């Protein structure tokens, strides 16, 4: 509807293997009466990986330009009646903070709320999830030692504002997590509506 606030951007952040994509897919499958599109992090990573290795100069700049093109498209009025759901893995270091602030600026330019979600999981469960076979078919990280290194490094980036939600998913099923997220989204954007099927 003309003159209404553009639908929000939802940013789900967490270590690899915490279930971000699975939860996001539940949201897309079960939220009805709302246009909801998923842009998972591999849609943004894989094009850059096809051109440069992540250790090569220019890799992060290429990643940034791909994100920038997506974010620019989200300012188009044709996108305003769609809620965009991004999954991500960004830590609280200089690089991760910079990327997360790009999402905040994108939401500001779009004129919509940014709804940040962080999924946490205890290490044993995280490692168990990391070895599931469905990760391989999506070309996702399955290196347990690399995951341990990530977990011992910088913590996951967390936006310090009232819209932020952190969920410990260790003992929760993906559908439960998706419901918690959607209830949180509706508290922030009650006019969004939608139904759970």
Protein backbone atom coordinates (compact mmCIF):
# COMPACT_ATOMS: atom_id res chain seq x y z
CA UNK A 1 0.00 0.00 0.00
CA UNK A 2 1.50 3.40 -0.97
CA UNK A 3 2.74 5.45 1.97
CA UNK A 4 3.20 2.48 4.30
CA UNK A 5 6.52 1.63 5.93
CA UNK A 6 8.53 -0.89 3.91
CA UNK A 7 8.53 -4.37 5.41
CA UNK A 8 11.43 -5.17 7.76
CA UNK A 9 14.78 -6.79 7.17
CA UNK A 10 15.37 -9.75 9.50
CA UNK A 11 19.03 -10.65 10.12
CA UNK A 12 19.70 -14.09 11.64
CA UNK A 13 23.30 -14.38 12.81
CA UNK A 14 25.12 -17.32 14.39
CA UNK A 15 28.02 -19.73 14.16
CA UNK A 16 27.95 -22.30 11.32
CA UNK A 17 25.79 -25.27 12.27
CA UNK A 18 23.44 -23.47 14.65
CA UNK A 19 20.51 -24.05 12.28
CA UNK A 20 20.10 -20.61 10.73
CA UNK A 21 19.13 -21.85 7.26
CA UNK A 22 16.81 -24.57 8.60
CA UNK A 23 15.01 -22.06 10.84
CA UNK A 24 14.79 -19.53 8.01
CA UNK A 25 13.30 -22.19 5.71
CA UNK A 26 10.67 -22.99 8.37
CA UNK A 27 9.75 -19.32 8.49
CA UNK A 28 9.36 -19.10 4.72
CA UNK A 29 7.35 -22.34 4.63
CA UNK A 30 5.01 -21.59 7.55
CA UNK A 31 4.40 -17.83 7.57
CA UNK A 32 1.47 -17.08 5.28
CA UNK A 33 -0.25 -13.87 4.16
CA UNK A 34 3.13 -12.08 4.18
CA UNK A 35 5.64 -11.91 1.33
CA UNK A 36 8.78 -13.39 2.90
CA UNK A 37 11.99 -13.95 0.91
CA UNK A 38 15.09 -15.74 2.12
CA UNK A 39 18.56 -14.55 1.12
CA UNK A 40 20.82 -17.03 2.89
CA UNK A 41 24.48 -16.24 3.33
CA UNK A 42 25.71 -18.72 0.70
CA UNK A 43 23.77 -16.82 -1.99
CA UNK A 44 26.11 -13.93 -1.16
CA UNK A 45 29.27 -15.95 -0.44
CA UNK A 46 29.29 -18.40 -3.36
CA UNK A 47 29.51 -15.82 -6.18
CA UNK A 48 32.56 -14.27 -4.47
CA UNK A 49 34.09 -17.72 -3.86
CA UNK A 50 33.68 -18.50 -7.57
CA UNK A 51 35.96 -15.58 -8.41
CA UNK A 52 38.46 -15.30 -5.55
CA UNK A 53 39.63 -17.43 -2.65
CA UNK A 54 38.72 -15.87 0.68
CA UNK A 55 42.42 -15.38 1.51
CA UNK A 56 43.12 -13.40 -1.68
CA UNK A 57 43.26 -9.60 -1.86
CA UNK A 58 39.99 -8.13 -3.04
CA UNK A 59 37.80 -10.94 -1.69
CA UNK A 60 36.13 -8.89 1.07
CA UNK A 61 35.66 -5.95 -1.31
CA UNK A 62 33.92 -8.29 -3.77
CA UNK A 63 31.69 -9.63 -0.98
CA UNK A 64 30.87 -6.04 0.01
CA UNK A 65 29.96 -5.08 -3.58
CA UNK A 66 27.62 -8.11 -3.89
CA UNK A 67 25.89 -7.16 -0.63
CA UNK A 68 25.77 -3.54 -1.79
CA UNK A 69 23.97 -4.48 -5.00
CA UNK A 70 21.37 -6.43 -3.01
CA UNK A 71 20.93 -3.62 -0.48
CA UNK A 72 20.52 -1.04 -3.27
CA UNK A 73 17.77 -3.17 -4.82
CA UNK A 74 15.94 -3.20 -1.46
CA UNK A 75 15.34 0.55 -1.76
CA UNK A 76 13.19 -0.03 -4.87
CA UNK A 77 9.48 0.51 -4.12
CA UNK A 78 8.68 -2.85 -5.76
CA UNK A 79 10.45 -4.57 -2.83
CA UNK A 80 8.69 -2.68 -0.05
CA UNK A 81 5.85 -5.15 0.45
CA UNK A 82 8.30 -8.02 1.01
CA UNK A 83 10.00 -8.98 4.27
CA UNK A 84 13.61 -10.00 3.62
CA UNK A 85 15.24 -12.66 5.76
CA UNK A 86 19.05 -12.86 5.73
CA UNK A 87 21.18 -15.52 7.39
CA UNK A 88 24.75 -14.68 8.31
CA UNK A 89 27.84 -15.56 10.31
CA UNK A 90 29.48 -12.38 11.60
CA UNK A 91 31.56 -12.09 14.75
CA UNK A 92 32.24 -9.10 16.96
CA UNK A 93 35.53 -8.23 15.29
CA UNK A 94 36.29 -5.33 12.96
CA UNK A 95 35.19 -7.17 9.81
CA UNK A 96 32.00 -8.63 11.33
CA UNK A 97 30.99 -5.35 12.93
CA UNK A 98 31.50 -3.54 9.62
CA UNK A 99 29.30 -6.04 7.76
CA UNK A 100 26.52 -5.89 10.36
CA UNK A 101 26.53 -2.11 10.21
CA UNK A 102 25.99 -2.41 6.43
CA UNK A 103 22.69 -4.16 7.25
CA UNK A 104 21.76 -1.34 9.63
CA UNK A 105 22.51 1.28 6.96
CA UNK A 106 20.56 -0.72 4.36
CA UNK A 107 17.50 -0.78 6.63
CA UNK A 108 17.86 2.96 7.25
CA UNK A 109 18.01 3.67 3.50
CA UNK A 110 15.03 1.38 2.91
CA UNK A 111 13.15 3.15 5.71
CA UNK A 112 12.31 -0.07 7.55
CA UNK A 113 13.14 -1.76 10.84
CA UNK A 114 16.16 -4.06 11.04
CA UNK A 115 15.29 -7.00 13.30
CA UNK A 116 18.50 -8.71 14.46
CA UNK A 117 18.34 -12.29 15.74
CA UNK A 118 21.26 -14.29 17.14
CA UNK A 119 21.09 -18.08 17.44
CA UNK A 120 23.39 -19.65 20.03
CA UNK A 121 24.04 -23.32 20.73
CA UNK A 122 26.29 -25.20 23.12
CA UNK A 123 29.49 -26.51 21.54
CA UNK A 124 28.70 -30.25 21.65
CA UNK A 125 25.33 -29.77 19.97
CA UNK A 126 26.86 -27.32 17.49
CA UNK A 127 29.49 -29.92 16.48
CA UNK A 128 26.83 -32.64 16.19
CA UNK A 129 24.75 -30.45 13.87
CA UNK A 130 27.86 -29.56 11.87
CA UNK A 131 28.29 -33.17 10.74
CA UNK A 132 24.76 -33.65 9.37
CA UNK A 133 24.74 -34.80 5.77
CA UNK A 134 22.37 -32.10 4.51
CA UNK A 135 25.12 -29.50 5.09
CA UNK A 136 27.28 -31.18 2.45
CA UNK A 137 24.66 -30.88 -0.30
CA UNK A 138 24.53 -27.10 0.31
CA UNK A 139 28.37 -26.91 0.19
CA UNK A 140 28.38 -25.67 3.78
CA UNK A 141 31.25 -25.73 6.21
CA UNK A 142 31.68 -29.14 7.86
CA UNK A 143 35.15 -28.73 9.40
CA UNK A 144 34.77 -29.34 13.16
CA UNK A 145 38.24 -27.98 13.99
CA UNK A 146 37.49 -24.77 12.10
CA UNK A 147 34.20 -24.47 13.99
CA UNK A 148 36.06 -24.91 17.31
CA UNK A 149 38.50 -22.20 16.22
CA UNK A 150 35.59 -19.86 15.36
CA UNK A 151 33.94 -20.51 18.73
CA UNK A 152 37.17 -19.74 20.62
CA UNK A 153 37.66 -16.52 18.66
CA UNK A 154 35.53 -13.39 18.68
CA UNK A 155 31.92 -13.82 19.87
CA UNK A 156 28.99 -13.48 17.50
CA UNK A 157 28.13 -9.85 16.75
CA UNK A 158 25.06 -8.63 18.65
CA UNK A 159 23.23 -5.40 17.89
CA UNK A 160 22.83 -3.42 21.10
CA UNK A 161 19.26 -2.25 20.69
CA UNK A 162 15.75 -3.12 21.83
CA UNK A 163 14.87 -5.05 18.65
CA UNK A 164 17.67 -7.57 19.27
CA UNK A 165 16.69 -11.15 20.18
CA UNK A 166 19.04 -13.96 21.23
CA UNK A 167 17.78 -17.55 21.23
CA UNK A 168 19.64 -20.55 22.66
CA UNK A 169 18.62 -23.26 20.19
CA UNK A 170 20.48 -26.13 21.89
CA UNK A 171 17.29 -27.91 23.01
CA UNK A 172 14.78 -26.39 20.59
CA UNK A 173 13.39 -27.77 17.34
CA UNK A 174 13.67 -25.52 14.27
CA UNK A 175 9.90 -24.96 14.13
CA UNK A 176 9.90 -23.72 17.75
CA UNK A 177 12.72 -21.30 16.99
CA UNK A 178 10.93 -20.06 13.86
CA UNK A 179 7.76 -19.40 15.88
CA UNK A 180 9.71 -17.48 18.54
CA UNK A 181 11.29 -15.35 15.84
CA UNK A 182 7.99 -14.61 14.11
CA UNK A 183 6.30 -13.67 17.39
CA UNK A 184 9.19 -11.28 18.04
CA UNK A 185 8.88 -9.80 14.53
CA UNK A 186 5.16 -9.18 15.09
CA UNK A 187 5.84 -7.44 18.41
CA UNK A 188 8.06 -4.98 16.52
CA UNK A 189 5.91 -4.76 13.37
CA UNK A 190 2.33 -5.55 14.53
CA UNK A 191 0.85 -4.28 11.26
CA UNK A 192 2.75 -6.93 9.30
CA UNK A 193 0.09 -9.51 10.12
CA UNK A 194 0.62 -12.93 8.70
CA UNK A 195 -0.46 -16.31 9.93
CA UNK A 196 1.30 -19.54 10.90
CA UNK A 197 0.30 -22.60 8.89
